[in-house]
Amino acid sequence: RQSECASAPDETALNGPFSADIGDLEFADDCTAWMVTMRSGTDFVRRLTVDGVVTEWAGVSNLNMGEIAVLKALAPPAEIGAGESTRLAARPTSRSRPDAFAGRGQAGVEGLGEVAITYTCCPTCGCFVDPPQGVARLVEDDPLAPLPIVIVAVPTQGTGPFTHAAANAGPQGLTWGVDRVLYVGNSLADGELSSADLDSGAQGVLTNLGARVTAGVPVSPVHNLFATDDGALHLYNAQTLELTTILELGVGVTSLAHDAFSGVVYASLSDLRVVAIRPFSAQVQLFEMMPATGRVAVSPDGQLWYVPMRFLAPDPIARWDLPDTL
């Protein structure tokens, strides 16, 4: 494992004000840490740079934030220095936006480093329904609407994999395609997979996975891996539109995290196991145990981070070393 992004923010910084009310965590290719809260009242997106600077953006209305996803390279990118997010852009920032997303963020980084979140709320939790639930992308330099919705969703509710209704609600399984397509499950009904192509402006329902989606992650330029609440893992090919069930884990999956170095996906499970999965051979083995219910995130410097769902578990963010050789 070699990376010019030598070090992500340390545990002290991650466990400071940055992680208050944390619900999910992601790292960009430059080791910048991103999170969303899940709390009563307004929720926040926060960014923590490797030199300890925290920036936050408030969400709309009283909606919860469920997941955060950063558009990352599927193999380790070359010549990325720690904290140099401006070098991640794959496209110029001045290009015009398609009509379908007019007014929804003409400015800001477009390409690697882009950030998206899910807005969620359980049907009985009393969250406001206008603006609607769904998927939003972060437009850092838009002071009026920094988190515009690009996929509209309706309230949906599951019974797992978390132990609280609010964490099992709304759209889940947020993933980025390398071509700037966003995918998410449960947007209009449990199990439905929807997409938003940020280049063309096209939106739509793609397929139904047969059960409520709980997590997702990209694993190739055309494949996304999704978990459903029956414990199954499915590979979806966005080019051929084929859906293949590769594993039956038997327990709920709270998150999926892809390691660009090895291609291994790390899955956090409702029984607190963390397993390592090779998605194209369906090999799976135990990696670690979480102290409590939470999620996992991979940082480019070779760490797997345990992320507590803070309103369910008071545990600190912690890390395990990932293999440095193939």
Protein backbone atom coordinates (compact mmCIF):
# COMPACT_ATOMS: atom_id res chain seq x y z
CA ARG A 1 0.00 0.00 0.00
CA GLN A 2 1.45 3.33 -1.09
CA SER A 3 -0.31 6.66 -0.80
CA GLU A 4 0.85 10.24 -0.97
CA CYS A 5 -2.06 10.86 1.37
CA ALA A 6 0.08 9.67 4.25
CA SER A 7 -2.19 10.40 7.19
CA ALA A 8 -5.87 10.97 7.82
CA PRO A 9 -7.05 13.20 10.69
CA ASP A 10 -6.07 11.54 13.97
CA GLU A 11 -8.44 10.00 16.49
CA THR A 12 -8.27 13.01 18.79
CA ALA A 13 -9.42 15.37 16.03
CA LEU A 14 -12.08 12.96 14.79
CA ASN A 15 -13.48 12.57 18.32
CA GLY A 16 -13.60 16.31 18.94
CA PRO A 17 -16.40 18.74 17.98
CA PHE A 18 -16.34 17.28 14.46
CA SER A 19 -18.08 14.08 15.60
CA ALA A 20 -20.86 15.54 17.75
CA ASP A 21 -24.08 13.63 16.94
CA ILE A 22 -22.27 11.65 14.21
CA GLY A 23 -24.25 9.16 12.15
CA ASP A 24 -21.92 8.39 9.25
CA LEU A 25 -18.31 9.06 8.18
CA GLU A 26 -16.43 9.05 4.86
CA PHE A 27 -12.93 9.96 3.71
CA ALA A 28 -11.99 11.60 0.42
CA ASP A 29 -8.93 10.55 -1.60
CA ASP A 30 -6.96 13.42 -0.01
CA CYS A 31 -7.76 12.05 3.51
CA THR A 32 -10.24 14.82 4.30
CA ALA A 33 -12.93 13.44 6.65
CA TRP A 34 -16.63 14.09 6.04
CA MET A 35 -19.58 13.30 8.31
CA VAL A 36 -23.32 13.78 8.75
CA THR A 37 -25.24 14.06 11.98
CA MET A 38 -28.41 12.32 13.08
CA ARG A 39 -30.02 14.41 15.78
CA SER A 40 -33.20 16.14 16.87
CA GLY A 41 -33.54 19.42 15.00
CA THR A 42 -31.38 20.69 12.15
CA ASP A 43 -28.68 18.28 11.00
CA PHE A 44 -25.24 19.12 9.66
CA VAL A 45 -22.59 18.08 7.15
CA ARG A 46 -19.09 18.60 8.58
CA ARG A 47 -15.66 18.50 6.97
CA LEU A 48 -12.40 17.91 8.90
CA THR A 49 -9.15 18.61 7.05
CA VAL A 50 -5.89 16.87 7.91
CA ASP A 51 -4.69 20.04 9.65
CA GLY A 52 -7.71 20.05 11.97
CA VAL A 53 -10.00 22.68 10.40
CA VAL A 54 -13.72 21.94 10.80
CA THR A 55 -16.35 23.44 8.46
CA GLU A 56 -20.07 22.70 8.63
CA TRP A 57 -23.18 23.20 6.52
CA ALA A 58 -26.74 23.07 7.89
CA GLY A 59 -29.40 20.89 6.32
CA VAL A 60 -32.87 21.89 5.27
CA SER A 61 -35.93 21.82 7.48
CA ASN A 62 -36.07 19.25 10.32
CA LEU A 63 -34.99 16.26 8.27
CA ASN A 64 -32.41 13.78 9.52
CA MET A 65 -29.27 13.02 7.55
CA GLY A 66 -28.73 9.31 7.01
CA GLU A 67 -25.58 8.67 4.95
CA ILE A 68 -22.73 10.60 3.39
CA ALA A 69 -20.86 9.53 0.24
CA VAL A 70 -17.76 11.05 -1.39
CA LEU A 71 -16.94 10.47 -5.06
CA LYS A 72 -13.61 8.62 -4.91
CA ALA A 73 -11.27 6.77 -7.23
CA LEU A 74 -11.84 3.01 -7.36
CA ALA A 75 -8.07 2.49 -7.48
CA PRO A 76 -5.58 4.64 -5.53
CA PRO A 77 -5.16 7.98 -7.35
CA ALA A 78 -1.63 9.17 -8.09
CA GLU A 79 -0.07 12.38 -6.78
CA ILE A 80 -2.75 13.31 -4.25
CA GLY A 81 -1.31 15.11 -1.27
CA ALA A 82 -2.96 15.22 2.14
CA GLY A 83 -5.67 17.83 2.31
CA GLU A 84 -5.37 18.95 -1.32
CA SER A 85 -9.03 18.60 -2.23
CA THR A 86 -8.78 21.18 -5.02
CA ARG A 87 -6.55 18.75 -6.94
CA LEU A 88 -9.25 16.10 -6.99
CA ALA A 89 -11.54 17.82 -9.47
CA ALA A 90 -12.08 15.77 -12.62
CA ARG A 91 -13.98 18.50 -14.46
CA PRO A 92 -13.74 22.30 -14.64
CA THR A 93 -15.94 24.12 -12.15
CA SER A 94 -17.27 26.62 -14.68
CA ARG A 95 -19.13 24.20 -16.96
CA SER A 96 -22.86 24.77 -17.40
CA ARG A 97 -25.38 22.59 -15.58
CA PRO A 98 -28.09 20.58 -17.38
CA ASP A 99 -31.59 22.07 -17.33
CA ALA A 100 -32.91 19.35 -15.00
CA PHE A 101 -30.61 20.63 -12.25
CA ALA A 102 -30.68 24.35 -13.16
CA GLY A 103 -30.15 26.48 -10.09
CA ARG A 104 -28.98 23.45 -8.10
CA GLY A 105 -25.30 24.21 -7.83
CA GLN A 106 -23.55 25.51 -10.92
CA ALA A 107 -20.49 26.26 -8.79
CA GLY A 108 -18.31 23.93 -6.76
CA VAL A 109 -16.07 20.95 -7.43
CA GLU A 110 -17.41 18.54 -10.04
CA GLY A 111 -15.72 15.16 -10.08
CA LEU A 112 -13.61 13.36 -7.50
CA GLY A 113 -14.20 14.91 -4.11
CA GLU A 114 -17.89 15.68 -4.61
CA VAL A 115 -20.09 14.98 -1.60
CA ALA A 116 -23.68 13.73 -1.41
CA ILE A 117 -25.96 12.92 1.53
CA THR A 118 -29.35 11.37 2.19
CA TYR A 119 -32.17 13.25 3.89
CA THR A 120 -34.31 10.80 5.89
CA CYS A 121 -37.14 10.67 8.40
CA CYS A 122 -39.38 7.87 9.64
CA PRO A 123 -43.08 8.37 8.84
CA THR A 124 -44.01 8.76 12.54
CA CYS A 125 -41.02 10.82 13.69
CA GLY A 126 -42.58 14.25 13.18
CA CYS A 127 -40.03 15.56 10.67
CA PHE A 128 -41.17 18.20 8.24
CA VAL A 129 -42.02 16.86 4.79
CA ASP A 130 -41.36 20.04 2.80
CA PRO A 131 -38.64 20.02 1.46
CA PRO A 132 -38.96 16.31 0.76
CA GLN A 133 -36.63 13.49 1.73
CA GLY A 134 -34.08 12.25 -0.77
CA VAL A 135 -30.48 12.68 -1.92
CA ALA A 136 -28.70 16.04 -1.90
CA ARG A 137 -25.29 17.08 -3.22
CA LEU A 138 -23.08 19.58 -1.40
CA VAL A 139 -22.39 22.87 -3.18
CA GLU A 140 -19.77 24.34 -0.88
CA ASP A 141 -19.79 27.90 -2.22
CA ASP A 142 -23.56 28.40 -2.44
CA PRO A 143 -24.58 30.26 0.74
CA LEU A 144 -28.31 30.08 -0.03
CA ALA A 145 -28.77 26.43 -0.99
CA PRO A 146 -25.62 24.42 -0.19
CA LEU A 147 -27.45 21.05 -0.03
CA PRO A 148 -29.88 20.92 -2.97
CA ILE A 149 -31.95 17.76 -3.44
CA VAL A 150 -31.29 15.86 -6.69
CA ILE A 151 -33.34 12.71 -5.95
CA VAL A 152 -36.73 13.21 -4.32
CA ALA A 153 -37.93 10.44 -1.98
CA VAL A 154 -41.04 9.57 -0.02
CA PRO A 155 -41.11 8.37 3.63
CA THR A 156 -40.32 4.67 3.96
CA GLN A 157 -39.65 2.59 7.06
CA GLY A 158 -37.70 -0.57 7.82
CA THR A 159 -37.18 -2.71 10.92
CA GLY A 160 -33.38 -3.05 10.69
CA PRO A 161 -30.42 -3.19 10.68
CA PHE A 162 -30.26 -0.59 13.44
CA THR A 163 -32.17 -0.74 16.72
CA HIS A 164 -33.96 2.60 16.30
CA ALA A 165 -36.73 3.54 13.88
CA ALA A 166 -35.13 6.83 12.84
CA ALA A 167 -31.96 5.07 11.66
CA ASN A 168 -33.95 2.55 9.59
CA ALA A 169 -35.98 5.10 7.67
CA GLY A 170 -35.98 6.74 4.27
CA PRO A 171 -33.53 6.37 1.39
CA GLN A 172 -30.45 4.21 2.10
CA GLY A 173 -27.55 2.66 0.19
CA LEU A 174 -26.19 5.93 -1.24
CA THR A 175 -23.42 5.32 -3.81
CA TRP A 176 -21.53 7.29 -6.45
CA GLY A 177 -20.78 5.98 -9.92
CA VAL A 178 -17.45 7.12 -11.32
CA ASP A 179 -19.44 8.86 -14.07
CA ARG A 180 -21.12 11.17 -11.48
CA VAL A 181 -24.31 9.12 -11.25
CA LEU A 182 -25.82 8.89 -7.77
CA TYR A 183 -27.67 5.71 -6.77
CA VAL A 184 -29.92 5.17 -3.75
CA GLY A 185 -32.46 2.63 -2.52
CA ASN A 186 -35.97 3.04 -1.09
CA SER A 187 -36.57 6.42 -2.73
CA LEU A 188 -40.17 5.75 -3.75
CA ALA A 189 -40.73 2.29 -2.25
CA ASP A 190 -38.74 -0.21 -0.22
CA GLY A 191 -36.24 -1.97 -2.48
CA GLU A 192 -36.48 0.40 -5.41
CA LEU A 193 -33.16 1.65 -6.79
CA SER A 194 -33.14 5.17 -8.19
CA SER A 195 -30.47 7.28 -9.87
CA ALA A 196 -29.56 10.85 -10.73
CA ASP A 197 -27.03 11.54 -13.49
CA LEU A 198 -25.48 14.90 -12.57
CA ASP A 199 -24.04 15.39 -16.06
CA SER A 200 -27.16 14.72 -18.11
CA GLY A 201 -29.76 15.68 -15.51
CA ALA A 202 -31.58 12.37 -15.97
CA GLN A 203 -33.38 10.86 -12.97
CA GLY A 204 -35.38 7.68 -12.63
CA VAL A 205 -36.14 4.33 -11.03
CA LEU A 206 -33.81 1.58 -12.29
CA THR A 207 -34.90 -1.70 -10.68
CA ASN A 208 -36.22 -3.28 -7.50
CA LEU A 209 -33.91 -5.36 -5.30
CA GLY A 210 -36.79 -7.30 -3.77
CA ALA A 211 -36.24 -6.11 -0.20
CA ARG A 212 -35.43 -2.87 1.59
CA VAL A 213 -31.93 -1.51 0.80
CA THR A 214 -29.73 -0.82 3.85
CA ALA A 215 -26.25 -0.04 2.41
CA GLY A 216 -24.37 0.38 -0.84
CA VAL A 217 -20.91 1.03 -2.29
CA PRO A 218 -19.34 1.24 -5.78
CA VAL A 219 -16.89 -1.60 -6.57
CA SER A 220 -16.09 -1.09 -10.29
CA PRO A 221 -16.77 1.50 -13.00
CA VAL A 222 -20.11 -0.23 -13.69
CA HIS A 223 -20.85 -2.27 -10.54
CA ASN A 224 -22.41 -1.20 -7.25
CA LEU A 225 -22.78 -3.56 -4.30
CA PHE A 226 -26.01 -3.26 -2.29
CA ALA A 227 -27.21 -4.92 0.91
CA THR A 228 -30.87 -5.59 1.65
CA ASP A 229 -32.52 -6.07 5.02
CA ASP A 230 -32.79 -9.83 4.55
CA GLY A 231 -28.98 -10.01 4.79
CA ALA A 232 -28.38 -10.48 1.06
CA LEU A 233 -25.67 -8.76 -0.99
CA HIS A 234 -26.39 -7.89 -4.62
CA LEU A 235 -24.15 -6.70 -7.46
CA TYR A 236 -25.91 -4.25 -9.79
CA ASN A 237 -24.39 -3.64 -13.22
CA ALA A 238 -25.38 -0.13 -14.31
CA GLN A 239 -24.36 -0.87 -17.90
CA THR A 240 -26.25 -4.13 -18.47
CA LEU A 241 -28.88 -3.46 -15.77
CA GLU A 242 -28.27 -6.96 -14.38
CA LEU A 243 -28.75 -7.71 -10.68
CA THR A 244 -26.86 -10.68 -9.19
CA THR A 245 -27.17 -11.94 -5.61
CA ILE A 246 -23.66 -12.93 -4.47
CA LEU A 247 -24.02 -13.67 -0.73
CA GLU A 248 -26.58 -14.39 1.97
CA LEU A 249 -25.10 -13.09 5.23
CA GLY A 250 -28.17 -13.84 7.32
CA VAL A 251 -27.95 -10.62 9.37
CA GLY A 252 -28.51 -6.94 8.65
CA VAL A 253 -25.77 -4.81 7.06
CA THR A 254 -25.30 -1.30 8.50
CA SER A 255 -22.61 -0.15 6.04
CA LEU A 256 -20.31 -1.16 3.18
CA ALA A 257 -16.85 0.41 2.71
CA HIS A 258 -14.59 -0.18 -0.30
CA ASP A 259 -10.79 -0.28 0.02
CA ALA A 260 -9.36 1.09 -3.25
CA PHE A 261 -5.98 -0.56 -2.56
CA SER A 262 -7.22 -4.15 -2.33
CA GLY A 263 -10.72 -4.04 -3.82
CA VAL A 264 -12.03 -5.61 -0.59
CA VAL A 265 -15.37 -4.39 0.79
CA TYR A 266 -15.72 -4.21 4.57
CA ALA A 267 -19.27 -4.75 5.85
CA SER A 268 -20.45 -3.82 9.34
CA LEU A 269 -23.23 -6.09 10.54
CA SER A 270 -26.06 -5.76 13.04
CA ASP A 271 -24.52 -8.52 15.20
CA LEU A 272 -21.42 -6.25 15.56
CA ARG A 273 -19.17 -8.29 13.25
CA VAL A 274 -17.10 -6.59 10.57
CA VAL A 275 -16.44 -8.90 7.63
CA ALA A 276 -14.11 -8.58 4.63
CA ILE A 277 -15.77 -9.42 1.31
CA ARG A 278 -14.31 -9.92 -2.16
CA PRO A 279 -17.36 -8.94 -4.21
CA PHE A 280 -16.45 -10.70 -7.47
CA SER A 281 -15.56 -14.05 -5.89
CA ALA A 282 -18.06 -13.85 -2.98
CA GLN A 283 -15.32 -14.74 -0.48
CA VAL A 284 -16.05 -13.52 3.05
CA GLN A 285 -14.13 -13.72 6.33
CA LEU A 286 -14.32 -12.17 9.78
CA PHE A 287 -12.17 -9.05 10.18
CA GLU A 288 -13.07 -7.46 13.55
CA MET A 289 -15.83 -6.86 16.09
CA MET A 290 -17.42 -3.47 16.73
CA PRO A 291 -17.95 -2.40 20.36
CA ALA A 292 -21.55 -1.34 19.56
CA THR A 293 -23.90 -0.62 16.68
CA GLY A 294 -22.27 1.54 14.05
CA ARG A 295 -20.74 1.79 10.62
CA VAL A 296 -17.25 1.52 9.11
CA ALA A 297 -15.23 3.77 6.80
CA VAL A 298 -11.92 3.25 4.95
CA SER A 299 -9.29 6.01 4.91
CA PRO A 300 -6.69 6.07 2.11
CA ASP A 301 -3.80 5.79 4.60
CA GLY A 302 -4.78 2.19 5.31
CA GLN A 303 -7.17 2.34 8.26
CA LEU A 304 -10.68 0.99 8.79
CA TRP A 305 -12.61 3.25 11.14
CA TYR A 306 -15.42 2.23 13.47
CA VAL A 307 -18.09 4.92 13.45
CA PRO A 308 -20.68 4.83 16.25
CA MET A 309 -24.24 5.85 15.56
CA ARG A 310 -23.83 8.41 18.33
CA PHE A 311 -27.44 8.59 19.50
CA LEU A 312 -27.38 4.79 19.92
CA ALA A 313 -23.81 4.31 21.20
CA PRO A 314 -21.51 6.71 23.13
CA ASP A 315 -18.34 4.93 22.00
CA PRO A 316 -15.53 6.95 20.40
CA ILE A 317 -14.49 6.67 16.78
CA ALA A 318 -11.73 4.04 16.63
CA ARG A 319 -9.58 2.39 13.98
CA TRP A 320 -8.03 -0.88 12.87
CA ASP A 321 -5.05 -1.27 10.55
CA LEU A 322 -5.79 -2.68 7.10
CA PRO A 323 -3.41 -5.01 5.27
CA ASP A 324 -0.54 -3.13 3.57
CA THR A 325 0.20 -5.87 1.03
CA LEU A 326 -1.94 -7.88 -1.36
